[in-house]
């Protein structure tokens, strides 16, 4: 398993095998996730739409979207 060392500036160098396998290029962004005993790096998409995909997942959990919109429209009409 490849390893890396933390520099005095707290920087790490990604092993070349890992960079090649994942197609990581200079300037690419990585997401950092800290778990209980690990640091997980993931390649971030350059397109914001891809990074935001799934952000609202579960927002409508337990709700009927059609009924919820009807209720909001009725409330707006009452305020006019």
Protein backbone atom coordinates (compact mmCIF):
# COMPACT_ATOMS: atom_id res chain seq x y z
CA UNK A 1 0.00 0.00 0.00
CA UNK A 2 1.47 3.37 -0.99
CA UNK A 3 2.05 5.89 1.78
CA UNK A 4 2.87 9.56 2.07
CA UNK A 5 4.40 11.86 4.66
CA UNK A 6 3.06 15.12 6.11
CA UNK A 7 5.47 18.00 5.48
CA UNK A 8 6.36 20.75 7.95
CA UNK A 9 3.67 22.85 6.23
CA UNK A 10 1.10 20.07 6.80
CA UNK A 11 1.03 19.19 3.10
CA UNK A 12 0.91 15.71 1.62
CA UNK A 13 1.92 14.42 -1.80
CA UNK A 14 -0.43 11.97 -3.47
CA UNK A 15 1.34 8.84 -4.68
CA UNK A 16 1.71 8.80 -8.49
CA UNK A 17 -0.11 5.45 -8.78
CA UNK A 18 -3.18 6.93 -7.06
CA UNK A 19 -3.07 10.11 -9.19
CA UNK A 20 -2.88 8.08 -12.41
CA UNK A 21 -5.67 5.67 -11.45
CA UNK A 22 -8.04 8.52 -10.56
CA UNK A 23 -6.89 10.91 -13.30
CA UNK A 24 -6.02 13.64 -10.80
CA UNK A 25 -4.37 16.62 -12.46
CA UNK A 26 -2.78 19.78 -11.01
CA UNK A 27 -5.53 22.18 -9.94
CA UNK A 28 -8.14 19.46 -9.38
CA UNK A 29 -10.17 19.80 -6.19
CA UNK A 30 -10.53 17.06 -3.59
CA UNK A 31 -13.20 16.77 -0.90
CA UNK A 32 -11.93 15.83 2.54
CA UNK A 33 -13.98 13.67 4.89
CA UNK A 34 -12.82 12.91 8.41
CA UNK A 35 -14.18 9.70 9.90
CA UNK A 36 -13.48 8.21 13.29
CA UNK A 37 -10.08 6.84 12.31
CA UNK A 38 -9.54 7.81 8.69
CA UNK A 39 -9.12 10.71 6.31
CA UNK A 40 -10.99 10.15 3.03
CA UNK A 41 -10.13 12.18 -0.09
CA UNK A 42 -12.56 12.21 -3.02
CA UNK A 43 -12.12 13.83 -6.42
CA UNK A 44 -14.62 16.68 -6.79
CA UNK A 45 -16.33 17.34 -10.07
CA UNK A 46 -15.42 20.61 -11.72
CA UNK A 47 -19.11 21.25 -12.50
CA UNK A 48 -21.14 22.69 -9.61
CA UNK A 49 -24.31 20.97 -10.84
CA UNK A 50 -22.66 17.59 -10.34
CA UNK A 51 -21.35 18.54 -6.89
CA UNK A 52 -24.83 19.69 -5.79
CA UNK A 53 -26.65 16.60 -7.07
CA UNK A 54 -28.66 14.98 -4.29
CA UNK A 55 -28.38 17.96 -1.94
CA UNK A 56 -32.16 18.17 -1.44
CA UNK A 57 -32.65 14.42 -1.24
CA UNK A 58 -35.19 13.66 1.44
CA UNK A 59 -36.65 17.19 1.51
CA UNK A 60 -40.06 15.86 0.56
CA UNK A 61 -39.87 12.76 2.76
CA UNK A 62 -43.30 12.07 4.22
CA UNK A 63 -44.94 14.84 2.19
CA UNK A 64 -47.03 14.79 -0.96
CA UNK A 65 -45.35 17.46 -3.12
CA UNK A 66 -48.55 18.23 -5.06
CA UNK A 67 -50.58 18.79 -1.88
CA UNK A 68 -47.78 20.83 -0.33
CA UNK A 69 -47.65 23.18 -3.35
CA UNK A 70 -51.46 23.52 -3.36
CA UNK A 71 -51.38 24.49 0.31
CA UNK A 72 -48.64 27.07 -0.30
CA UNK A 73 -50.60 28.56 -3.22
CA UNK A 74 -53.78 28.77 -1.14
CA UNK A 75 -51.89 30.52 1.67
CA UNK A 76 -50.41 33.00 -0.82
CA UNK A 77 -53.86 33.70 -2.30
CA UNK A 78 -55.28 34.34 1.18
CA UNK A 79 -52.58 36.92 1.88
CA UNK A 80 -53.47 38.98 -1.20
